[in-house]
């Protein structure tokens, strides 16, 4: 799709940063958002994290990227308008948007609140919406999203810190809860100390777990122990430590 088409296909003018090719380089991008539906909210984007998935898609590492590509699915903003049937939110609410903006709502996965497994789920960025247009992510000044895929942010939680919770945070929190690793006194190992690893250590410690970080890099020991509060640190390339 050409940028000129994206700018005029919907009524709401929007501005963002898009990759135009597999270089992954972002540049200014004028496009448009749809008008709000009866169950949609419009929000002004205030913060947006960057996930490694965004980098893969910007560079077409998986061979299915749609250009221009506006990344961003760790989105935090403030609601500026609501549809006439929106029930959960009002103008001025601080909210976030994660990796999905639509699903079929009727399959077994959707019924069990597992929309990420829905065969008709639609990605926040680089997907095809039900109207056939491309979805653009949170590296933009505004979004329009169905309220079902919007999460309220409690007062007092810093908005910049909240943004990564909508992908990296969910990715590690969900398995901790699913496998019962959310009870004080349990011991959990966290392999790697990238973005997900950081979140895993923080959530585990918040639940009162004992945490061992396992990393290939000895240089990350101080960060794991002193900054994140991990209880112990193992270097995976050290056979003595891994016994």
Protein backbone atom coordinates (compact mmCIF):
# COMPACT_ATOMS: atom_id res chain seq x y z
CA UNK A 1 0.00 0.00 0.00
CA UNK A 2 1.30 3.47 -0.87
CA UNK A 3 1.55 6.09 1.85
CA UNK A 4 -0.79 8.38 -0.09
CA UNK A 5 -3.53 5.71 0.03
CA UNK A 6 -2.99 5.13 3.75
CA UNK A 7 -3.34 8.86 4.38
CA UNK A 8 -6.81 9.13 2.87
CA UNK A 9 -8.46 5.71 3.31
CA UNK A 10 -9.95 6.64 6.71
CA UNK A 11 -11.40 9.92 8.04
CA UNK A 12 -9.06 10.50 11.00
CA UNK A 13 -5.66 11.96 10.18
CA UNK A 14 -2.77 10.34 12.03
CA UNK A 15 0.99 10.62 12.15
CA UNK A 16 3.53 7.96 12.97
CA UNK A 17 6.88 6.40 12.18
CA UNK A 18 7.04 3.63 9.60
CA UNK A 19 9.49 1.26 7.98
CA UNK A 20 9.20 1.31 4.19
CA UNK A 21 11.37 -1.72 3.44
CA UNK A 22 13.43 -4.49 5.04
CA UNK A 23 16.11 -2.04 6.17
CA UNK A 24 13.85 -1.53 9.17
CA UNK A 25 14.63 2.19 9.25
CA UNK A 26 11.74 4.31 10.50
CA UNK A 27 10.75 7.62 8.93
CA UNK A 28 7.81 10.04 9.30
CA UNK A 29 4.52 8.66 7.99
CA UNK A 30 1.19 10.41 7.45
CA UNK A 31 -1.76 8.03 7.44
CA UNK A 32 -5.30 7.75 8.76
CA UNK A 33 -7.34 5.93 11.37
CA UNK A 34 -10.95 4.78 11.11
CA UNK A 35 -13.79 6.68 12.72
CA UNK A 36 -14.79 5.23 16.07
CA UNK A 37 -17.51 2.60 16.10
CA UNK A 38 -20.10 2.20 18.80
CA UNK A 39 -17.80 0.02 20.93
CA UNK A 40 -14.51 1.71 20.03
CA UNK A 41 -12.36 4.14 21.97
CA UNK A 42 -9.99 6.68 20.47
CA UNK A 43 -6.82 7.41 22.39
CA UNK A 44 -3.92 9.79 22.26
CA UNK A 45 -0.73 7.72 22.40
CA UNK A 46 1.64 8.88 25.14
CA UNK A 47 4.16 6.01 25.32
CA UNK A 48 4.97 2.90 23.31
CA UNK A 49 7.54 0.21 24.01
CA UNK A 50 9.54 -1.59 21.36
CA UNK A 51 9.37 -5.38 21.26
CA UNK A 52 11.76 -7.67 19.40
CA UNK A 53 8.77 -8.83 17.38
CA UNK A 54 8.48 -5.27 16.07
CA UNK A 55 12.11 -5.40 14.97
CA UNK A 56 11.60 -8.74 13.20
CA UNK A 57 8.55 -7.42 11.39
CA UNK A 58 10.17 -4.10 10.47
CA UNK A 59 13.00 -6.02 8.82
CA UNK A 60 10.71 -8.67 7.30
CA UNK A 61 12.66 -11.44 9.04
CA UNK A 62 9.61 -13.70 8.85
CA UNK A 63 8.76 -12.91 5.23
CA UNK A 64 5.22 -11.65 5.84
CA UNK A 65 5.64 -7.95 6.62
CA UNK A 66 3.35 -5.36 5.06
CA UNK A 67 4.91 -2.00 4.22
CA UNK A 68 4.63 0.77 5.24
CA UNK A 69 4.92 -0.82 8.69
CA UNK A 70 4.21 1.17 11.85
CA UNK A 71 5.45 -0.88 14.84
CA UNK A 72 4.25 -0.82 18.40
CA UNK A 73 2.05 -3.09 20.51
CA UNK A 74 3.03 -1.94 24.01
CA UNK A 75 0.85 1.13 23.78
CA UNK A 76 -0.16 3.51 26.57
CA UNK A 77 -2.37 6.56 26.13
CA UNK A 78 -5.33 8.58 27.30
CA UNK A 79 -8.85 8.18 25.93
CA UNK A 80 -10.08 11.16 23.92
CA UNK A 81 -13.40 9.81 22.63
CA UNK A 82 -15.68 6.81 23.21
CA UNK A 83 -18.37 5.11 21.14
CA UNK A 84 -21.98 5.32 22.28
CA UNK A 85 -22.03 1.70 23.51
CA UNK A 86 -18.68 1.70 25.34
CA UNK A 87 -19.24 0.56 28.92
CA UNK A 88 -15.85 0.16 30.58
CA UNK A 89 -14.13 3.47 29.82
CA UNK A 90 -14.67 7.19 29.62
CA UNK A 91 -12.83 10.17 28.19
CA UNK A 92 -9.71 10.89 30.21
CA UNK A 93 -9.05 7.30 31.31
CA UNK A 94 -5.46 6.08 31.03
CA UNK A 95 -5.31 2.80 29.14
CA UNK A 96 -3.04 0.41 27.29
CA UNK A 97 -3.25 -1.76 24.17
CA UNK A 98 -1.33 -4.98 23.61
CA UNK A 99 -0.64 -7.35 20.72
CA UNK A 100 -4.20 -7.86 19.44
CA UNK A 101 -6.96 -5.51 18.28
CA UNK A 102 -9.55 -8.02 17.08
CA UNK A 103 -10.69 -11.66 17.20
CA UNK A 104 -13.76 -13.62 16.14
CA UNK A 105 -15.24 -13.53 19.71
CA UNK A 106 -17.05 -16.83 19.10
CA UNK A 107 -14.52 -19.70 18.88
CA UNK A 108 -13.66 -21.76 21.95
CA UNK A 109 -10.40 -19.89 22.48
CA UNK A 110 -12.19 -16.54 22.49
CA UNK A 111 -14.86 -17.83 24.84
CA UNK A 112 -12.09 -18.87 27.26
CA UNK A 113 -10.38 -15.47 26.97
CA UNK A 114 -7.56 -16.95 24.92
CA UNK A 115 -7.99 -14.65 21.94
CA UNK A 116 -4.29 -14.92 21.10
CA UNK A 117 -5.05 -18.47 19.88
CA UNK A 118 -8.03 -17.38 17.80
CA UNK A 119 -7.43 -18.27 14.13
CA UNK A 120 -9.00 -14.94 13.16
CA UNK A 121 -7.11 -12.74 15.60
CA UNK A 122 -5.73 -9.49 14.18
CA UNK A 123 -2.38 -8.00 15.17
CA UNK A 124 -2.09 -4.45 16.42
CA UNK A 125 0.51 -3.70 13.77
CA UNK A 126 1.20 -5.14 10.35
CA UNK A 127 -2.01 -7.14 10.14
CA UNK A 128 -5.18 -6.94 8.09
CA UNK A 129 -8.26 -5.56 9.81
CA UNK A 130 -11.75 -6.89 9.15
CA UNK A 131 -12.28 -4.04 6.66
CA UNK A 132 -9.23 -5.19 4.68
CA UNK A 133 -7.00 -2.27 5.60
CA UNK A 134 -3.60 -2.58 7.24
CA UNK A 135 -3.31 -2.16 11.00
CA UNK A 136 -0.77 0.37 12.24
CA UNK A 137 0.82 0.21 15.69
CA UNK A 138 1.55 2.54 18.55
CA UNK A 139 4.51 4.41 17.09
CA UNK A 140 1.93 7.04 16.21
CA UNK A 141 0.05 9.90 17.78
CA UNK A 142 -3.35 8.19 18.04
CA UNK A 143 -5.24 4.89 17.81
CA UNK A 144 -8.81 3.63 17.52
CA UNK A 145 -9.44 0.30 19.26
CA UNK A 146 -12.41 -1.82 20.30
CA UNK A 147 -12.81 -1.50 24.07
CA UNK A 148 -12.52 -5.29 24.44
CA UNK A 149 -8.80 -5.02 23.65
CA UNK A 150 -8.12 -2.04 25.92
CA UNK A 151 -6.88 -2.35 29.52
CA UNK A 152 -7.23 0.35 32.16
CA UNK A 153 -4.12 1.54 33.98
CA UNK A 154 -4.44 2.11 37.74
CA UNK A 155 -3.75 5.55 39.13
CA UNK A 156 -0.23 5.90 40.47
CA UNK A 157 1.37 3.50 38.00
CA UNK A 158 3.89 5.45 35.87
CA UNK A 159 2.69 5.34 32.29
CA UNK A 160 6.15 4.96 30.75
CA UNK A 161 6.83 1.95 32.98
CA UNK A 162 3.40 0.50 32.21
CA UNK A 163 3.98 0.24 28.46
CA UNK A 164 6.17 -2.93 28.46
CA UNK A 165 3.58 -4.71 30.60
CA UNK A 166 1.30 -5.03 27.57
CA UNK A 167 3.57 -7.53 25.85
CA UNK A 168 6.73 -8.45 27.75
CA UNK A 169 4.89 -8.29 31.06
CA UNK A 170 1.96 -10.44 29.92
CA UNK A 171 4.33 -12.93 28.27
CA UNK A 172 6.04 -13.80 31.55
CA UNK A 173 3.21 -13.16 34.02
CA UNK A 174 0.79 -15.54 32.30
CA UNK A 175 2.97 -18.68 32.56
CA UNK A 176 3.89 -17.85 36.15
CA UNK A 177 0.19 -17.83 37.02
CA UNK A 178 -0.70 -20.78 34.79
CA UNK A 179 1.92 -23.07 36.32
CA UNK A 180 1.30 -21.92 39.87
CA UNK A 181 4.62 -20.12 40.20
CA UNK A 182 3.09 -17.22 42.08
CA UNK A 183 3.37 -18.41 45.67
CA UNK A 184 5.94 -17.23 48.22
CA UNK A 185 8.78 -19.62 48.91
CA UNK A 186 8.87 -21.33 45.52
CA UNK A 187 12.10 -21.32 43.49
CA UNK A 188 12.12 -20.33 39.83
CA UNK A 189 14.89 -20.11 37.26
CA UNK A 190 14.95 -17.33 34.67
CA UNK A 191 16.99 -18.09 31.56
CA UNK A 192 18.35 -14.95 29.92
CA UNK A 193 18.20 -11.36 31.08
CA UNK A 194 16.77 -9.52 28.13
CA UNK A 195 13.47 -7.65 28.21
CA UNK A 196 11.44 -10.72 29.15
CA UNK A 197 14.03 -11.83 31.69
CA UNK A 198 13.88 -8.48 33.46
CA UNK A 199 10.09 -8.73 33.70
CA UNK A 200 10.23 -12.34 34.88
CA UNK A 201 12.59 -11.51 37.74
CA UNK A 202 10.49 -8.53 38.84
CA UNK A 203 7.20 -10.45 38.80
CA UNK A 204 8.71 -13.47 40.54
CA UNK A 205 10.22 -11.35 43.31
CA UNK A 206 6.94 -9.46 43.70
CA UNK A 207 5.27 -12.84 44.35
CA UNK A 208 7.89 -13.71 46.97
CA UNK A 209 9.71 -16.35 44.95
CA UNK A 210 13.38 -17.24 45.15
CA UNK A 211 14.91 -16.42 41.77
CA UNK A 212 17.99 -17.79 40.04
CA UNK A 213 19.05 -16.05 36.84
CA UNK A 214 20.85 -18.21 34.27
CA UNK A 215 22.78 -16.28 31.63
CA UNK A 216 25.57 -16.74 29.11
CA UNK A 217 27.08 -13.42 30.19
CA UNK A 218 28.96 -13.11 33.52
CA UNK A 219 28.71 -9.32 33.12
CA UNK A 220 25.00 -9.44 33.93
CA UNK A 221 25.47 -10.77 37.45
CA UNK A 222 25.54 -7.36 39.11
CA UNK A 223 22.44 -6.26 37.24
CA UNK A 224 20.59 -9.44 38.18
CA UNK A 225 21.54 -9.40 41.87
CA UNK A 226 21.92 -5.73 42.74
CA UNK A 227 19.41 -4.04 40.41
CA UNK A 228 16.67 -6.64 40.02
CA UNK A 229 16.97 -8.47 43.33
CA UNK A 230 17.63 -11.99 42.06
CA UNK A 231 18.81 -14.41 44.77
CA UNK A 232 21.50 -16.17 42.75
CA UNK A 233 23.18 -16.11 39.35
CA UNK A 234 24.57 -18.90 37.19
CA UNK A 235 26.69 -18.66 34.05
CA UNK A 236 25.35 -21.28 31.67
CA UNK A 237 28.74 -21.69 29.96
CA UNK A 238 30.40 -22.63 33.24
CA UNK A 239 30.08 -26.42 33.61
CA UNK A 240 30.89 -26.27 37.34
CA UNK A 241 28.05 -23.83 38.04
CA UNK A 242 25.61 -25.82 35.96
CA UNK A 243 26.18 -29.13 37.76
